[in-house]
Structures are given as C-alpha cells and as structure tokens.
Amino acid sequence: PITRSLQSFSEGDTVSVIIDPSYHRGQPHHRFQGLTGKVIRNQGKAYVVLTRVGNMKKELIIRPEHLKKAN
C-alpha cells in the first residue's frame, strides 16, 4: 500500500525492520530482518536507524517502506 511509503518517523522513535520485497529501493540486507532500533535522523527520503548486531552498533539507511513502529 502507498501509505507505507508516506509514513514518517521522528528522531528517537523505536522501529522494527520489516522488509517489503515489492520495493527494492532502500531495502536493507536480509540479515537485518526483524531487528529493532532507534531512528537517528533523516537522510533524503530514508531514515538512519541505529541497531545492535551482537555487540556491535550498526547504522542502517532504510526507506520507510521497510520500517514499522515498534511498541
């Protein structure tokens, strides 16, 4: 649905990475599927999400079609 690409997040929001295979632009690597993180900032139409993979912190650049607000 078009509403996924129109959703917006603000800094500090907790989001989950849910990859939508119908959108290829801004799609993260499949190893990040299901991870949660915090939105740090905007970068163009995408968002920079800080997440942890093991003991390492990663910054992912993801478009909003592949993000969902976490509760």
N, C-alpha and C. Protein backbone atom coordinates (compact mmCIF):
# COMPACT_ATOMS: atom_id res chain seq x y z
N PRO A 1 0.81 -1.21 0.00
CA PRO A 1 0.00 0.00 0.00
C PRO A 1 0.86 1.27 0.00
N ILE A 2 0.31 2.33 -0.55
CA ILE A 2 1.03 3.59 -0.67
C ILE A 2 1.27 4.24 0.68
N THR A 3 0.45 3.92 1.68
CA THR A 3 0.60 4.55 2.99
C THR A 3 1.91 4.17 3.66
N ARG A 4 2.49 3.05 3.30
CA ARG A 4 3.78 2.67 3.88
C ARG A 4 4.88 3.63 3.45
N SER A 5 4.85 4.06 2.22
CA SER A 5 5.90 4.98 1.76
C SER A 5 5.65 6.40 2.23
N LEU A 6 4.43 6.71 2.68
CA LEU A 6 4.11 8.05 3.16
C LEU A 6 4.26 8.19 4.67
N GLN A 7 4.48 7.09 5.39
CA GLN A 7 4.60 7.21 6.84
C GLN A 7 5.88 7.94 7.21
N SER A 8 5.83 8.63 8.34
CA SER A 8 7.00 9.40 8.77
C SER A 8 7.34 9.03 10.20
N PHE A 9 8.62 9.16 10.52
CA PHE A 9 9.13 8.87 11.84
C PHE A 9 9.91 10.07 12.32
N SER A 10 9.97 10.25 13.62
CA SER A 10 10.76 11.33 14.18
C SER A 10 11.96 10.74 14.90
N GLU A 11 12.92 11.59 15.23
CA GLU A 11 14.13 11.13 15.90
C GLU A 11 13.78 10.54 17.26
N GLY A 12 14.37 9.39 17.56
CA GLY A 12 14.11 8.73 18.83
C GLY A 12 13.01 7.69 18.78
N ASP A 13 12.29 7.59 17.67
CA ASP A 13 11.25 6.56 17.54
C ASP A 13 11.89 5.18 17.46
N THR A 14 11.26 4.20 18.10
CA THR A 14 11.71 2.82 18.01
C THR A 14 10.97 2.15 16.86
N VAL A 15 11.74 1.57 15.94
CA VAL A 15 11.17 0.96 14.75
C VAL A 15 11.68 -0.46 14.58
N SER A 16 10.91 -1.28 13.87
CA SER A 16 11.31 -2.63 13.50
C SER A 16 11.57 -2.66 12.01
N VAL A 17 12.55 -3.46 11.61
CA VAL A 17 12.87 -3.62 10.20
C VAL A 17 12.04 -4.78 9.66
N ILE A 18 11.07 -4.46 8.82
CA ILE A 18 10.22 -5.46 8.16
C ILE A 18 10.39 -5.25 6.66
N ILE A 19 11.15 -6.10 6.02
CA ILE A 19 11.47 -5.92 4.60
C ILE A 19 10.25 -6.24 3.74
N ASP A 20 9.92 -5.30 2.86
CA ASP A 20 8.84 -5.48 1.90
C ASP A 20 9.48 -5.80 0.55
N PRO A 21 9.37 -7.03 0.06
CA PRO A 21 10.07 -7.41 -1.17
C PRO A 21 9.55 -6.74 -2.44
N SER A 22 8.39 -6.09 -2.38
CA SER A 22 7.88 -5.45 -3.58
C SER A 22 8.56 -4.11 -3.83
N TYR A 23 9.27 -3.56 -2.83
CA TYR A 23 10.05 -2.33 -3.00
C TYR A 23 11.52 -2.68 -2.87
N HIS A 24 12.30 -2.41 -3.94
CA HIS A 24 13.71 -2.76 -3.92
C HIS A 24 14.59 -1.60 -3.48
N ARG A 25 14.12 -0.37 -3.65
CA ARG A 25 14.92 0.78 -3.27
C ARG A 25 14.93 0.94 -1.76
N GLY A 26 16.11 1.19 -1.21
CA GLY A 26 16.24 1.41 0.22
C GLY A 26 16.00 0.17 1.06
N GLN A 27 16.18 -0.98 0.44
CA GLN A 27 15.93 -2.24 1.13
C GLN A 27 17.22 -2.68 1.84
N PRO A 28 17.16 -2.97 3.14
CA PRO A 28 18.37 -3.42 3.84
C PRO A 28 18.67 -4.88 3.51
N HIS A 29 19.84 -5.32 3.92
CA HIS A 29 20.22 -6.71 3.73
C HIS A 29 19.29 -7.61 4.55
N HIS A 30 19.04 -8.80 4.07
CA HIS A 30 18.07 -9.68 4.73
C HIS A 30 18.51 -10.11 6.12
N ARG A 31 19.79 -9.97 6.46
CA ARG A 31 20.22 -10.34 7.81
C ARG A 31 19.66 -9.40 8.88
N PHE A 32 19.18 -8.21 8.46
CA PHE A 32 18.64 -7.25 9.41
C PHE A 32 17.12 -7.37 9.57
N GLN A 33 16.50 -8.35 8.92
CA GLN A 33 15.06 -8.57 9.03
C GLN A 33 14.68 -8.86 10.47
N GLY A 34 13.70 -8.12 10.99
CA GLY A 34 13.19 -8.36 12.33
C GLY A 34 13.90 -7.62 13.44
N LEU A 35 15.00 -6.93 13.15
CA LEU A 35 15.71 -6.19 14.20
C LEU A 35 14.96 -4.92 14.56
N THR A 36 15.16 -4.44 15.77
CA THR A 36 14.60 -3.17 16.18
C THR A 36 15.73 -2.20 16.45
N GLY A 37 15.42 -0.92 16.31
CA GLY A 37 16.41 0.11 16.56
C GLY A 37 15.74 1.45 16.71
N LYS A 38 16.57 2.49 16.87
CA LYS A 38 16.05 3.84 17.04
C LYS A 38 16.42 4.68 15.83
N VAL A 39 15.49 5.54 15.44
CA VAL A 39 15.73 6.45 14.32
C VAL A 39 16.64 7.56 14.82
N ILE A 40 17.76 7.77 14.11
CA ILE A 40 18.71 8.81 14.47
C ILE A 40 18.40 10.10 13.72
N ARG A 41 18.20 9.98 12.40
CA ARG A 41 17.98 11.17 11.58
C ARG A 41 17.41 10.76 10.23
N ASN A 42 17.00 11.78 9.46
CA ASN A 42 16.59 11.58 8.06
C ASN A 42 17.82 11.68 7.18
N GLN A 43 17.75 11.00 6.06
CA GLN A 43 18.78 11.13 5.03
C GLN A 43 18.06 11.03 3.69
N GLY A 44 17.68 12.19 3.17
CA GLY A 44 16.88 12.22 1.96
C GLY A 44 15.49 11.69 2.27
N LYS A 45 15.04 10.68 1.51
CA LYS A 45 13.74 10.07 1.77
C LYS A 45 13.84 8.91 2.76
N ALA A 46 15.05 8.56 3.15
CA ALA A 46 15.27 7.41 4.03
C ALA A 46 15.54 7.87 5.46
N TYR A 47 15.65 6.88 6.34
CA TYR A 47 15.94 7.13 7.75
C TYR A 47 17.19 6.34 8.13
N VAL A 48 17.97 6.91 9.03
CA VAL A 48 19.14 6.22 9.57
C VAL A 48 18.71 5.62 10.89
N VAL A 49 18.83 4.29 10.99
CA VAL A 49 18.39 3.55 12.17
C VAL A 49 19.61 2.96 12.85
N LEU A 50 19.75 3.20 14.16
CA LEU A 50 20.83 2.63 14.95
C LEU A 50 20.33 1.36 15.60
N THR A 51 21.00 0.24 15.33
CA THR A 51 20.60 -1.05 15.88
C THR A 51 21.83 -1.80 16.34
N ARG A 52 21.62 -2.85 17.09
CA ARG A 52 22.73 -3.66 17.57
C ARG A 52 22.67 -5.02 16.90
N VAL A 53 23.85 -5.47 16.44
CA VAL A 53 24.00 -6.82 15.88
C VAL A 53 25.08 -7.47 16.72
N GLY A 54 24.67 -8.33 17.65
CA GLY A 54 25.61 -8.88 18.62
C GLY A 54 26.05 -7.76 19.55
N ASN A 55 27.35 -7.51 19.64
CA ASN A 55 27.86 -6.43 20.48
C ASN A 55 28.19 -5.18 19.67
N MET A 56 27.96 -5.22 18.36
CA MET A 56 28.31 -4.08 17.51
C MET A 56 27.08 -3.22 17.23
N LYS A 57 27.29 -1.91 17.18
CA LYS A 57 26.23 -0.99 16.79
C LYS A 57 26.35 -0.74 15.30
N LYS A 58 25.22 -0.79 14.61
CA LYS A 58 25.19 -0.58 13.16
C LYS A 58 24.23 0.55 12.85
N GLU A 59 24.60 1.36 11.87
CA GLU A 59 23.70 2.39 11.34
C GLU A 59 23.20 1.91 9.99
N LEU A 60 21.90 1.75 9.88
CA LEU A 60 21.28 1.27 8.64
C LEU A 60 20.53 2.41 8.00
N ILE A 61 20.64 2.52 6.69
CA ILE A 61 19.90 3.53 5.93
C ILE A 61 18.76 2.80 5.23
N ILE A 62 17.53 3.09 5.68
CA ILE A 62 16.37 2.33 5.24
C ILE A 62 15.25 3.28 4.86
N ARG A 63 14.58 2.99 3.75
CA ARG A 63 13.41 3.78 3.37
C ARG A 63 12.21 3.34 4.20
N PRO A 64 11.20 4.21 4.34
CA PRO A 64 10.09 3.93 5.25
C PRO A 64 9.22 2.74 4.86
N GLU A 65 9.29 2.27 3.64
CA GLU A 65 8.50 1.10 3.23
C GLU A 65 8.91 -0.14 4.01
N HIS A 66 10.14 -0.15 4.52
CA HIS A 66 10.69 -1.32 5.19
C HIS A 66 10.72 -1.15 6.70
N LEU A 67 10.06 -0.13 7.23
CA LEU A 67 10.05 0.13 8.67
C LEU A 67 8.63 0.08 9.22
N LYS A 68 8.54 -0.28 10.50
CA LYS A 68 7.25 -0.31 11.18
C LYS A 68 7.49 0.14 12.62
N LYS A 69 6.61 1.00 13.15
CA LYS A 69 6.78 1.46 14.52
C LYS A 69 6.64 0.29 15.48
N ALA A 70 7.59 0.21 16.42
CA ALA A 70 7.56 -0.84 17.44
C ALA A 70 6.89 -0.29 18.68
N ASN A 71 6.20 -1.14 19.38
CA ASN A 71 5.50 -0.70 20.60
C ASN A 71 6.38 -0.82 21.80
